[in-house]
C-alpha atoms as a PDB file:
ATOM      1  CA  MET A   1      -9.552-104.746  -5.307  1.00  0.00           C
ATOM      2  CA  ALA A   2      -9.512-105.643  -8.988  1.00  0.00           C
ATOM      3  CA  ASP A   3      -6.370-106.215 -11.013  1.00  0.00           C
ATOM      4  CA  PHE A   4      -4.828-103.231 -12.775  1.00  0.00           C
ATOM      5  CA  ARG A   5      -1.729-102.829 -14.905  1.00  0.00           C
ATOM      6  CA  GLY A   6      -0.454 -99.338 -14.187  1.00  0.00           C
ATOM      7  CA  THR A   7      -0.913 -96.191 -12.161  1.00  0.00           C
ATOM      8  CA  ARG A   8      -3.652 -94.786 -14.410  1.00  0.00           C
ATOM      9  CA  GLU A   9      -5.705 -97.957 -14.193  1.00  0.00           C
ATOM     10  CA  ALA A  10      -5.108 -97.979 -10.433  1.00  0.00           C
ATOM     11  CA  PHE A  11      -6.542 -94.463 -10.170  1.00  0.00           C
ATOM     12  CA  ALA A  12      -9.674 -95.428 -12.093  1.00  0.00           C
ATOM     13  CA  GLN A  13     -10.192 -98.605 -10.075  1.00  0.00           C
ATOM     14  CA  ALA A  14      -9.882 -96.707  -6.809  1.00  0.00           C
ATOM     15  CA  LEU A  15     -12.560 -94.253  -7.988  1.00  0.00           C
ATOM     16  CA  ILE A  16     -14.855 -97.118  -8.938  1.00  0.00           C
ATOM     17  CA  ASP A  17     -14.373 -98.878  -5.609  1.00  0.00           C
ATOM     18  CA  MET A  18     -14.939 -95.717  -3.552  1.00  0.00           C
ATOM     19  CA  SER A  19     -18.007 -94.727  -5.553  1.00  0.00           C
ATOM     20  CA  GLU A  20     -19.729 -98.010  -4.768  1.00  0.00           C
ATOM     21  CA  THR A  21     -20.404 -96.670  -1.267  1.00  0.00           C
ATOM     22  CA  ASN A  22     -19.816 -92.915  -1.557  1.00  0.00           C
ATOM     23  CA  ASP A  23     -21.841 -90.791  -3.973  1.00  0.00           C
ATOM     24  CA  LYS A  24     -19.858 -87.659  -3.056  1.00  0.00           C
ATOM     25  CA  ILE A  25     -16.873 -88.859  -5.091  1.00  0.00           C
ATOM     26  CA  MET A  26     -16.666 -86.984  -8.401  1.00  0.00           C
ATOM     27  CA  PHE A  27     -14.321 -87.156 -11.381  1.00  0.00           C
ATOM     28  CA  VAL A  28     -13.793 -83.904 -13.299  1.00  0.00           C
ATOM     29  CA  ALA A  29     -12.100 -84.532 -16.645  1.00  0.00           C
ATOM     30  CA  PRO A  30     -10.562 -81.908 -18.937  1.00  0.00           C
ATOM     31  CA  ASP A  31     -10.836 -84.235 -21.950  1.00  0.00           C
ATOM     32  CA  SER A  32      -8.823 -86.803 -20.012  1.00  0.00           C
ATOM     33  CA  LEU A  33     -11.277 -89.684 -19.563  1.00  0.00           C
ATOM     34  CA  LYS A  34      -9.319 -92.079 -21.774  1.00  0.00           C
ATOM     35  CA  ALA A  35      -5.921 -90.821 -20.624  1.00  0.00           C
ATOM     36  CA  MET A  36      -6.952 -91.537 -17.027  1.00  0.00           C
ATOM     37  CA  ARG A  37      -8.305 -94.975 -18.061  1.00  0.00           C
ATOM     38  CA  ALA A  38     -11.625 -93.968 -16.452  1.00  0.00           C
ATOM     39  CA  THR A  39     -14.092 -94.906 -19.209  1.00  0.00           C
ATOM     40  CA  LYS A  40     -15.519 -97.723 -17.086  1.00  0.00           C
ATOM     41  CA  PHE A  41     -15.986 -95.338 -14.154  1.00  0.00           C
ATOM     42  CA  ALA A  42     -18.030 -92.986 -16.359  1.00  0.00           C
ATOM     43  CA  GLU A  43     -20.172 -95.904 -17.540  1.00  0.00           C
ATOM     44  CA  LEU A  44     -20.819 -97.197 -14.012  1.00  0.00           C
ATOM     45  CA  HIS A  45     -21.273 -93.804 -12.332  1.00  0.00           C
ATOM     46  CA  PRO A  46     -22.361 -91.290 -14.993  1.00  0.00           C
ATOM     47  CA  ALA A  47     -23.805 -88.889 -12.408  1.00  0.00           C
ATOM     48  CA  GLN A  48     -20.386 -88.641 -10.759  1.00  0.00           C
ATOM     49  CA  TYR A  49     -18.482 -87.810 -13.946  1.00  0.00           C
ATOM     50  CA  VAL A  50     -18.176 -84.263 -15.304  1.00  0.00           C
ATOM     51  CA  GLU A  51     -16.483 -83.500 -18.633  1.00  0.00           C
ATOM     52  CA  VAL A  52     -15.338 -79.919 -19.270  1.00  0.00           C
ATOM     53  CA  GLY A  53     -13.357 -80.420 -22.479  1.00  0.00           C
ATOM     54  CA  ILE A  54      -9.791 -79.287 -23.070  1.00  0.00           C
ATOM     55  CA  ALA A  55      -9.967 -76.671 -20.321  1.00  0.00           C
ATOM     56  CA  GLU A  56      -7.822 -77.510 -17.306  1.00  0.00           C
ATOM     57  CA  GLN A  57      -8.428 -74.168 -15.615  1.00  0.00           C
ATOM     58  CA  SER A  58     -12.171 -74.652 -15.915  1.00  0.00           C
ATOM     59  CA  ALA A  59     -11.856 -78.166 -14.505  1.00  0.00           C
ATOM     60  CA  VAL A  60     -10.152 -76.826 -11.375  1.00  0.00           C
ATOM     61  CA  ASP A  61     -12.755 -74.074 -10.989  1.00  0.00           C
ATOM     62  CA  ALA A  62     -15.613 -76.572 -11.378  1.00  0.00           C
ATOM     63  CA  ALA A  63     -14.015 -78.878  -8.819  1.00  0.00           C
ATOM     64  CA  ALA A  64     -13.614 -75.993  -6.383  1.00  0.00           C
ATOM     65  CA  GLY A  65     -17.323 -75.276  -6.663  1.00  0.00           C
ATOM     66  CA  MET A  66     -18.166 -78.934  -6.058  1.00  0.00           C
ATOM     67  CA  ALA A  67     -15.936 -79.078  -2.993  1.00  0.00           C
ATOM     68  CA  ALA A  68     -17.571 -75.931  -1.634  1.00  0.00           C
ATOM     69  CA  CYS A  69     -20.881 -77.819  -1.839  1.00  0.00           C
ATOM     70  CA  GLY A  70     -19.591 -80.826   0.107  1.00  0.00           C
ATOM     71  CA  LEU A  71     -18.560 -83.129  -2.730  1.00  0.00           C
ATOM     72  CA  ILE A  72     -15.115 -84.782  -3.061  1.00  0.00           C
ATOM     73  CA  PRO A  73     -13.937 -84.049  -6.607  1.00  0.00           C
ATOM     74  CA  TYR A  74     -10.885 -85.584  -8.265  1.00  0.00           C
ATOM     75  CA  VAL A  75      -9.341 -83.743 -11.207  1.00  0.00           C
ATOM     76  CA  GLY A  76      -7.086 -85.946 -13.299  1.00  0.00           C
ATOM     77  CA  THR A  77      -4.937 -85.243 -16.344  1.00  0.00           C
ATOM     78  CA  TYR A  78      -1.289 -84.810 -17.319  1.00  0.00           C
ATOM     79  CA  ALA A  79       0.745 -83.472 -14.403  1.00  0.00           C
ATOM     80  CA  GLY A  80       2.027 -80.372 -16.164  1.00  0.00           C
ATOM     81  CA  PHE A  81      -1.364 -79.466 -17.591  1.00  0.00           C
ATOM     82  CA  LEU A  82      -2.541 -79.207 -13.983  1.00  0.00           C
ATOM     83  CA  THR A  83       0.407 -77.696 -12.154  1.00  0.00           C
ATOM     84  CA  MET A  84       1.472 -75.310 -14.928  1.00  0.00           C
ATOM     85  CA  ARG A  85      -1.566 -74.472 -17.034  1.00  0.00           C
ATOM     86  CA  ALA A  86      -3.964 -74.407 -14.078  1.00  0.00           C
ATOM     87  CA  CYS A  87      -1.478 -73.364 -11.398  1.00  0.00           C
ATOM     88  CA  GLU A  88      -3.240 -70.090 -10.599  1.00  0.00           C
ATOM     89  CA  GLN A  89      -6.585 -71.833 -10.167  1.00  0.00           C
ATOM     90  CA  MET A  90      -5.059 -74.543  -7.963  1.00  0.00           C
ATOM     91  CA  ARG A  91      -3.445 -71.864  -5.820  1.00  0.00           C
ATOM     92  CA  THR A  92      -6.153 -69.221  -5.555  1.00  0.00           C
ATOM     93  CA  PHE A  93      -9.432 -71.122  -5.838  1.00  0.00           C
ATOM     94  CA  VAL A  94      -8.478 -74.384  -4.095  1.00  0.00           C
ATOM     95  CA  ALA A  95      -5.443 -73.962  -1.823  1.00  0.00           C
ATOM     96  CA  TYR A  96      -6.237 -70.464  -0.537  1.00  0.00           C
ATOM     97  CA  PRO A  97      -9.741 -71.428   0.718  1.00  0.00           C
ATOM     98  CA  ASP A  98      -8.361 -74.889   1.633  1.00  0.00           C
ATOM     99  CA  LEU A  99     -11.016 -76.728  -0.361  1.00  0.00           C
ATOM    100  CA  ASN A 100     -11.327 -80.495  -0.477  1.00  0.00           C
ATOM    101  CA  VAL A 101     -10.185 -81.076  -4.069  1.00  0.00           C
ATOM    102  CA  LYS A 102      -7.943 -83.980  -5.085  1.00  0.00           C
ATOM    103  CA  PHE A 103      -5.632 -83.790  -8.094  1.00  0.00           C
ATOM    104  CA  VAL A 104      -4.011 -86.688  -9.946  1.00  0.00           C
ATOM    105  CA  GLY A 105      -1.158 -85.767 -12.283  1.00  0.00           C
ATOM    106  CA  ILE A 106      -0.212 -88.533 -14.718  1.00  0.00           C
ATOM    107  CA  ASN A 107       2.937 -88.888 -16.826  1.00  0.00           C
ATOM    108  CA  ALA A 108       4.900 -87.136 -14.104  1.00  0.00           C
ATOM    109  CA  GLY A 109       8.650 -87.514 -14.319  1.00  0.00           C
ATOM    110  CA  LEU A 110      10.997 -88.519 -17.105  1.00  0.00           C
ATOM    111  CA  LEU A 111       9.935 -92.103 -17.704  1.00  0.00           C
ATOM    112  CA  GLY A 112       6.803 -91.341 -19.729  1.00  0.00           C
ATOM    113  CA  GLY A 113       8.697 -89.714 -22.585  1.00  0.00           C
ATOM    114  CA  GLU A 114       8.826 -92.642 -24.980  1.00  0.00           C
ATOM    115  CA  ARG A 115       6.491 -91.099 -27.560  1.00  0.00           C
ATOM    116  CA  GLU A 116       5.950 -87.470 -26.576  1.00  0.00           C
ATOM    117  CA  GLY A 117       9.213 -86.237 -25.056  1.00  0.00           C
ATOM    118  CA  VAL A 118       9.656 -82.983 -23.200  1.00  0.00           C
ATOM    119  CA  THR A 119       6.154 -81.626 -23.842  1.00  0.00           C
ATOM    120  CA  HIS A 120       4.654 -84.525 -21.890  1.00  0.00           C
ATOM    121  CA  GLN A 121       7.400 -85.119 -19.325  1.00  0.00           C
ATOM    122  CA  PHE A 122       6.795 -83.195 -16.123  1.00  0.00           C
ATOM    123  CA  TYR A 123       9.536 -82.968 -13.515  1.00  0.00           C
ATOM    124  CA  GLU A 124       8.703 -79.572 -12.035  1.00  0.00           C
ATOM    125  CA  ASP A 125       5.282 -80.392 -10.550  1.00  0.00           C
ATOM    126  CA  ILE A 126       6.374 -81.080  -6.966  1.00  0.00           C
ATOM    127  CA  GLY A 127       8.550 -77.971  -6.918  1.00  0.00           C
ATOM    128  CA  ILE A 128       5.614 -75.851  -8.042  1.00  0.00           C
ATOM    129  CA  LEU A 129       3.165 -77.194  -5.470  1.00  0.00           C
ATOM    130  CA  SER A 130       5.748 -77.197  -2.675  1.00  0.00           C
ATOM    131  CA  ASN A 131       5.491 -73.407  -2.763  1.00  0.00           C
ATOM    132  CA  ILE A 132       1.710 -73.374  -2.319  1.00  0.00           C
ATOM    133  CA  PRO A 133       0.347 -73.658   1.247  1.00  0.00           C
ATOM    134  CA  ASN A 134      -2.225 -76.280   2.281  1.00  0.00           C
ATOM    135  CA  PHE A 135      -1.297 -78.880  -0.373  1.00  0.00           C
ATOM    136  CA  THR A 136      -0.532 -82.448   0.660  1.00  0.00           C
ATOM    137  CA  ILE A 137       1.711 -84.098  -1.962  1.00  0.00           C
ATOM    138  CA  PHE A 138       1.590 -87.888  -2.394  1.00  0.00           C
ATOM    139  CA  THR A 139       4.293 -89.629  -4.456  1.00  0.00           C
ATOM    140  CA  PRO A 140       3.280 -93.306  -4.724  1.00  0.00           C
ATOM    141  CA  ALA A 141       5.943 -95.553  -6.220  1.00  0.00           C
ATOM    142  CA  ASP A 142       3.861 -97.949  -8.284  1.00  0.00           C
ATOM    143  CA  ALA A 143       0.356 -98.956  -9.328  1.00  0.00           C
ATOM    144  CA  SER A 144      -0.793-100.558  -6.073  1.00  0.00           C
ATOM    145  CA  GLN A 145       0.490 -97.642  -4.009  1.00  0.00           C
ATOM    146  CA  THR A 146      -1.320 -95.262  -6.366  1.00  0.00           C
ATOM    147  CA  TYR A 147      -4.546 -97.177  -5.764  1.00  0.00           C
ATOM    148  CA  HIS A 148      -4.159 -96.813  -1.997  1.00  0.00           C
ATOM    149  CA  ALA A 149      -3.021 -93.174  -2.294  1.00  0.00           C
ATOM    150  CA  VAL A 150      -6.160 -92.233  -4.232  1.00  0.00           C
ATOM    151  CA  LYS A 151      -8.301 -93.752  -1.498  1.00  0.00           C
ATOM    152  CA  ALA A 152      -6.220 -92.206   1.287  1.00  0.00           C
ATOM    153  CA  ALA A 153      -6.619 -88.767  -0.290  1.00  0.00           C
ATOM    154  CA  ALA A 154     -10.385 -88.938   0.250  1.00  0.00           C
ATOM    155  CA  GLU A 155      -9.796 -89.227   3.989  1.00  0.00           C
ATOM    156  CA  ILE A 156      -7.771 -85.990   4.151  1.00  0.00           C
ATOM    157  CA  LYS A 157      -9.508 -82.644   4.404  1.00  0.00           C
ATOM    158  CA  GLY A 158      -8.033 -80.115   2.011  1.00  0.00           C
ATOM    159  CA  PRO A 159      -6.231 -80.234  -1.336  1.00  0.00           C
ATOM    160  CA  VAL A 160      -4.156 -83.290  -2.209  1.00  0.00           C
ATOM    161  CA  TYR A 161      -1.916 -83.807  -5.230  1.00  0.00           C
ATOM    162  CA  ILE A 162      -1.158 -87.410  -6.214  1.00  0.00           C
ATOM    163  CA  ARG A 163       1.832 -87.769  -8.519  1.00  0.00           C
ATOM    164  CA  ALA A 164       1.046 -90.683 -10.827  1.00  0.00           C
ATOM    165  CA  GLY A 165       3.133 -92.263 -13.549  1.00  0.00           C
ATOM    166  CA  SER A 166       2.847 -93.351 -17.125  1.00  0.00           C
ATOM    167  CA  GLY A 167       2.441 -97.099 -16.701  1.00  0.00           C
ATOM    168  CA  ARG A 168       6.148 -97.758 -17.273  1.00  0.00           C
ATOM    169  CA  GLU A 169       7.118 -97.775 -13.592  1.00  0.00           C
ATOM    170  CA  LYS A 170       8.151-101.068 -11.996  1.00  0.00           C
ATOM    171  CA  ASP A 171       6.031-102.683  -9.284  1.00  0.00           C
ATOM    172  CA  VAL A 172       7.708-102.603  -5.881  1.00  0.00           C
ATOM    173  CA  TYR A 173       4.900-103.248  -3.412  1.00  0.00           C
ATOM    174  CA  GLU A 174       2.488-106.098  -2.834  1.00  0.00           C
ATOM    175  CA  LYS A 175      -1.025-104.975  -3.717  1.00  0.00           C
ATOM    176  CA  ASP A 176      -2.415-105.125  -0.187  1.00  0.00           C
ATOM    177  CA  VAL A 177       0.258-102.893   1.405  1.00  0.00           C
ATOM    178  CA  PRO A 178      -1.451 -99.673   2.548  1.00  0.00           C
ATOM    179  CA  PHE A 179      -0.208 -96.189   1.754  1.00  0.00           C
ATOM    180  CA  SER A 180       1.923 -95.056   4.703  1.00  0.00           C
ATOM    181  CA  MET A 181       0.691 -91.835   6.275  1.00  0.00           C
ATOM    182  CA  ASP A 182       4.033 -91.611   8.124  1.00  0.00           C
ATOM    183  CA  GLY A 183       5.541 -90.265   4.910  1.00  0.00           C
ATOM    184  CA  ILE A 184       8.231 -92.953   4.857  1.00  0.00           C
ATOM    185  CA  ARG A 185       8.464 -96.723   4.665  1.00  0.00           C
ATOM    186  CA  ILE A 186      11.788 -98.535   5.130  1.00  0.00           C
ATOM    187  CA  LEU A 187      12.106-101.317   2.538  1.00  0.00           C
ATOM    188  CA  LYS A 188      15.670-102.501   3.179  1.00  0.00           C
ATOM    189  CA  ARG A 189      17.644-102.071   6.377  1.00  0.00           C
ATOM    190  CA  TYR A 190      21.116-103.498   5.847  1.00  0.00           C
ATOM    191  CA  GLY A 191      22.992-100.875   7.901  1.00  0.00           C
ATOM    192  CA  THR A 192      23.537 -97.194   8.643  1.00  0.00           C
ATOM    193  CA  ASP A 193      26.444 -96.389   6.315  1.00  0.00           C
ATOM    194  CA  THR A 194      24.005 -94.366   4.195  1.00  0.00           C
ATOM    195  CA  LEU A 195      20.273 -93.648   4.189  1.00  0.00           C
ATOM    196  CA  LEU A 196      19.170 -93.884   0.554  1.00  0.00           C
ATOM    197  CA  LEU A 197      15.801 -92.181   0.094  1.00  0.00           C
ATOM    198  CA  SER A 198      13.778 -92.409  -3.086  1.00  0.00           C
ATOM    199  CA  SER A 199      10.440 -91.014  -4.109  1.00  0.00           C
ATOM    200  CA  GLY A 200       8.176 -92.301  -6.849  1.00  0.00           C
ATOM    201  CA  PHE A 201       9.079 -94.160  -9.990  1.00  0.00           C
ATOM    202  CA  VAL A 202      12.802 -94.856  -9.507  1.00  0.00           C
ATOM    203  CA  LEU A 203      12.397 -96.627  -6.156  1.00  0.00           C
ATOM    204  CA  ASP A 204      13.059-100.027  -7.725  1.00  0.00           C
ATOM    205  CA  ARG A 205      16.425 -98.731  -8.942  1.00  0.00           C
ATOM    206  CA  ALA A 206      17.386 -97.532  -5.473  1.00  0.00           C
ATOM    207  CA  LEU A 207      16.573-100.981  -4.112  1.00  0.00           C
ATOM    208  CA  ARG A 208      18.789-102.628  -6.727  1.00  0.00           C
ATOM    209  CA  ALA A 209      21.592-100.204  -5.887  1.00  0.00           C
ATOM    210  CA  ALA A 210      21.382-101.261  -2.237  1.00  0.00           C
ATOM    211  CA  ASP A 211      21.905-104.896  -3.224  1.00  0.00           C
ATOM    212  CA  LEU A 212      24.885-103.981  -5.409  1.00  0.00           C
ATOM    213  CA  LEU A 213      26.441-102.154  -2.465  1.00  0.00           C
ATOM    214  CA  LYS A 214      25.768-105.013  -0.077  1.00  0.00           C
ATOM    215  CA  GLU A 215      27.785-107.290  -2.349  1.00  0.00           C
ATOM    216  CA  LYS A 216      30.698-104.886  -1.735  1.00  0.00           C
ATOM    217  CA  GLY A 217      30.209-104.922   2.024  1.00  0.00           C
ATOM    218  CA  ILE A 218      28.512-101.519   2.169  1.00  0.00           C
ATOM    219  CA  ASP A 219      25.365-101.767   4.250  1.00  0.00           C
ATOM    220  CA  ILE A 220      22.751 -99.085   3.738  1.00  0.00           C
ATOM    221  CA  THR A 221      19.086 -98.428   4.483  1.00  0.00           C
ATOM    222  CA  VAL A 222      16.561 -97.707   1.714  1.00  0.00           C
ATOM    223  CA  GLY A 223      13.403 -95.720   2.398  1.00  0.00           C
ATOM    224  CA  ASP A 224      10.436 -94.757   0.272  1.00  0.00           C
ATOM    225  CA  ILE A 225       9.416 -91.131   0.871  1.00  0.00           C
ATOM    226  CA  ASN A 226       5.802 -91.152  -0.290  1.00  0.00           C
ATOM    227  CA  ILE A 227       4.711 -87.748   1.067  1.00  0.00           C
ATOM    228  CA  ILE A 228       6.694 -84.616   0.214  1.00  0.00           C
ATOM    229  CA  ASN A 229       6.700 -81.795   2.783  1.00  0.00           C
ATOM    230  CA  ALA A 230       4.689 -83.953   5.153  1.00  0.00           C
ATOM    231  CA  LYS A 231       2.895 -82.040   7.890  1.00  0.00           C
ATOM    232  CA  ASN A 232       4.296 -84.483  10.462  1.00  0.00           C
ATOM    233  CA  PRO A 233       7.787 -85.628   9.386  1.00  0.00           C
ATOM    234  CA  ASP A 234       8.756 -87.160  12.746  1.00  0.00           C
ATOM    235  CA  LYS A 235       9.335 -90.657  11.319  1.00  0.00           C
ATOM    236  CA  VAL A 236      11.497 -89.241   8.523  1.00  0.00           C
ATOM    237  CA  ILE A 237      13.566 -87.246  11.013  1.00  0.00           C
ATOM    238  CA  MET A 238      14.004 -90.366  13.154  1.00  0.00           C
ATOM    239  CA  GLU A 239      15.569 -92.201  10.198  1.00  0.00           C
ATOM    240  CA  ILE A 240      17.727 -89.193   9.332  1.00  0.00           C
ATOM    241  CA  ARG A 241      19.192 -89.220  12.847  1.00  0.00           C
ATOM    242  CA  LYS A 242      20.227 -92.886  12.505  1.00  0.00           C
ATOM    243  CA  ALA A 243      22.247 -92.409   9.316  1.00  0.00           C
ATOM    244  CA  LYS A 244      25.815 -91.232   8.794  1.00  0.00           C
ATOM    245  CA  ARG A 245      24.984 -89.635   5.440  1.00  0.00           C
ATOM    246  CA  ILE A 246      22.049 -89.393   3.034  1.00  0.00           C
ATOM    247  CA  VAL A 247      21.486 -89.803  -0.702  1.00  0.00           C
ATOM    248  CA  THR A 248      18.192 -88.891  -2.388  1.00  0.00           C
ATOM    249  CA  VAL A 249      16.980 -90.224  -5.749  1.00  0.00           C
ATOM    250  CA  GLU A 250      14.006 -88.695  -7.560  1.00  0.00           C
ATOM    251  CA  ASP A 251      12.518 -88.571 -11.049  1.00  0.00           C
ATOM    252  CA  HIS A 252      12.092 -84.807 -10.693  1.00  0.00           C
ATOM    253  CA  ASN A 253      14.123 -81.661 -11.109  1.00  0.00           C
ATOM    254  CA  ILE A 254      16.892 -81.476  -8.507  1.00  0.00           C
ATOM    255  CA  HIS A 255      15.278 -78.312  -7.117  1.00  0.00           C
ATOM    256  CA  GLY A 256      12.071 -78.242  -5.114  1.00  0.00           C
ATOM    257  CA  GLY A 257      11.396 -81.960  -4.775  1.00  0.00           C
ATOM    258  CA  LEU A 258      12.571 -84.817  -2.572  1.00  0.00           C
ATOM    259  CA  GLY A 259      16.173 -83.618  -2.271  1.00  0.00           C
ATOM    260  CA  ALA A 260      15.090 -80.139  -1.215  1.00  0.00           C
ATOM    261  CA  TYR A 261      12.620 -81.542   1.313  1.00  0.00           C
ATOM    262  CA  ILE A 262      15.151 -83.884   2.911  1.00  0.00           C
ATOM    263  CA  SER A 263      17.901 -81.242   2.892  1.00  0.00           C
ATOM    264  CA  LYS A 264      15.610 -78.886   4.813  1.00  0.00           C
ATOM    265  CA  LEU A 265      14.853 -81.552   7.429  1.00  0.00           C
ATOM    266  CA  VAL A 266      18.549 -82.409   7.753  1.00  0.00           C
ATOM    267  CA  VAL A 267      19.679 -78.787   8.170  1.00  0.00           C
ATOM    268  CA  GLU A 268      17.002 -78.071  10.745  1.00  0.00           C
ATOM    269  CA  ASN A 269      17.304 -81.274  12.773  1.00  0.00           C
ATOM    270  CA  ASP A 270      20.582 -83.189  12.327  1.00  0.00           C
ATOM    271  CA  PRO A 271      23.108 -81.628   9.883  1.00  0.00           C
ATOM    272  CA  LYS A 272      25.084 -84.079   7.752  1.00  0.00           C
ATOM    273  CA  ARG A 273      26.055 -84.630   4.133  1.00  0.00           C
ATOM    274  CA  VAL A 274      23.198 -84.974   1.615  1.00  0.00           C
ATOM    275  CA  SER A 275      23.857 -85.979  -2.004  1.00  0.00           C
ATOM    276  CA  ARG A 276      21.031 -85.533  -4.501  1.00  0.00           C
ATOM    277  CA  ILE A 277      20.371 -87.525  -7.674  1.00  0.00           C
ATOM    278  CA  GLY A 278      17.790 -85.933  -9.940  1.00  0.00           C
ATOM    279  CA  LEU A 279      17.306 -83.987 -13.131  1.00  0.00           C
ATOM    280  CA  SER A 280      19.109 -80.742 -13.883  1.00  0.00           C
ATOM    281  CA  SER A 281      18.135 -80.449 -17.553  1.00  0.00           C
ATOM    282  CA  PHE A 282      15.219 -81.161 -19.858  1.00  0.00           C
ATOM    283  CA  GLY A 283      14.727 -84.766 -20.894  1.00  0.00           C
ATOM    284  CA  GLU A 284      14.521 -86.392 -24.301  1.00  0.00           C
ATOM    285  CA  SER A 285      12.252 -88.934 -25.941  1.00  0.00           C
ATOM    286  CA  GLY A 286      13.114 -92.563 -25.512  1.00  0.00           C
ATOM    287  CA  PRO A 287      12.256 -95.853 -23.808  1.00  0.00           C
ATOM    288  CA  ALA A 288      11.803 -95.472 -20.052  1.00  0.00           C
ATOM    289  CA  ASP A 289      14.658 -97.699 -18.927  1.00  0.00           C
ATOM    290  CA  GLU A 290      17.128 -96.158 -21.378  1.00  0.00           C
ATOM    291  CA  LEU A 291      16.144 -92.647 -20.323  1.00  0.00           C
ATOM    292  CA  ALA A 292      16.468 -93.521 -16.650  1.00  0.00           C
ATOM    293  CA  ASP A 293      19.954 -94.950 -17.179  1.00  0.00           C
ATOM    294  CA  TYR A 294      21.057 -92.001 -19.326  1.00  0.00           C
ATOM    295  CA  TYR A 295      19.956 -89.391 -16.791  1.00  0.00           C
ATOM    296  CA  GLY A 296      21.696 -90.951 -13.816  1.00  0.00           C
ATOM    297  CA  PHE A 297      19.158 -93.368 -12.386  1.00  0.00           C
ATOM    298  CA  ALA A 298      21.022 -96.574 -13.264  1.00  0.00           C
ATOM    299  CA  PRO A 299      21.462 -98.699 -10.117  1.00  0.00           C
ATOM    300  CA  GLU A 300      25.204 -98.720 -10.778  1.00  0.00           C
ATOM    301  CA  ASN A 301      25.318 -94.923 -10.811  1.00  0.00           C
ATOM    302  CA  ILE A 302      23.238 -94.643  -7.644  1.00  0.00           C
ATOM    303  CA  ALA A 303      25.609 -97.083  -5.948  1.00  0.00           C
ATOM    304  CA  ALA A 304      28.608 -95.068  -7.165  1.00  0.00           C
ATOM    305  CA  VAL A 305      27.188 -91.847  -5.700  1.00  0.00           C
ATOM    306  CA  VAL A 306      26.703 -93.602  -2.368  1.00  0.00           C
ATOM    307  CA  GLU A 307      30.324 -94.823  -2.446  1.00  0.00           C
ATOM    308  CA  GLN A 308      31.669 -91.384  -3.368  1.00  0.00           C
ATOM    309  CA  GLY A 309      29.856 -89.871  -0.414  1.00  0.00           C
ATOM    310  CA  MET A 310      31.706 -92.228   1.915  1.00  0.00           C
ATOM    311  CA  GLU A 311      35.179 -91.125   0.783  1.00  0.00           C
END
């Protein structure tokens, strides 16, 4: 596994590594080769790269045809250009026939808005796909987890959406840690006062919040939810049952994402209080860390929400 700096580079490296031994892997690009940092992949494996131009709907249709012929196509571009502009094609021509197409949506969430702002920040993508049957939704937290998620997606039959970042997310995992198919990985287990669950690019902030709380004598557990609406959520439910209360933190709209998923599991299996930290408005342009703090993802604010839930 070569070195890579961010989630986009991790995606491209995973494609390169898989294609060394698997000629069924394809990359379908709607004018996104450079955005996906996949120029080297196209140079090494030109027969496995298809460019359709600025035409996301056509990219999805082409990938559906490839999957129907036994190939394993990946379609990669900005998250909203896939889940909004090509939503009908993802639903009708991939999910409905349950075809083996993999999607990678970059610049998902708030943190990629330094230059482009609301037009290139996408925090509705999980909510959109959560309403479409047959999709598996991966939410890797950092570059190394994105690398492993891209490879894991090839082992799953049916459509997979991988929510990738902008390159501004903080590294949380060691590079050799595999992507957990349990849908959850516990990263800190200080106690059961609260189960703090995060998904994606604000996981590092949840971990820092746990340490702030520990200094105050409040012992919580922090888990990474890396699959949304997992087909087998047994391990998630097991952790829910251990906790007195739950807080979710996600770089996504408050509706339809991690908080909605966990709330459903809680109501159906072990009712208790769930507090949700997420977006309820459009974002603005600005540096990633400043945006995250402004919109409620500061470790101090996460810790305060946990404390308020204990009152």
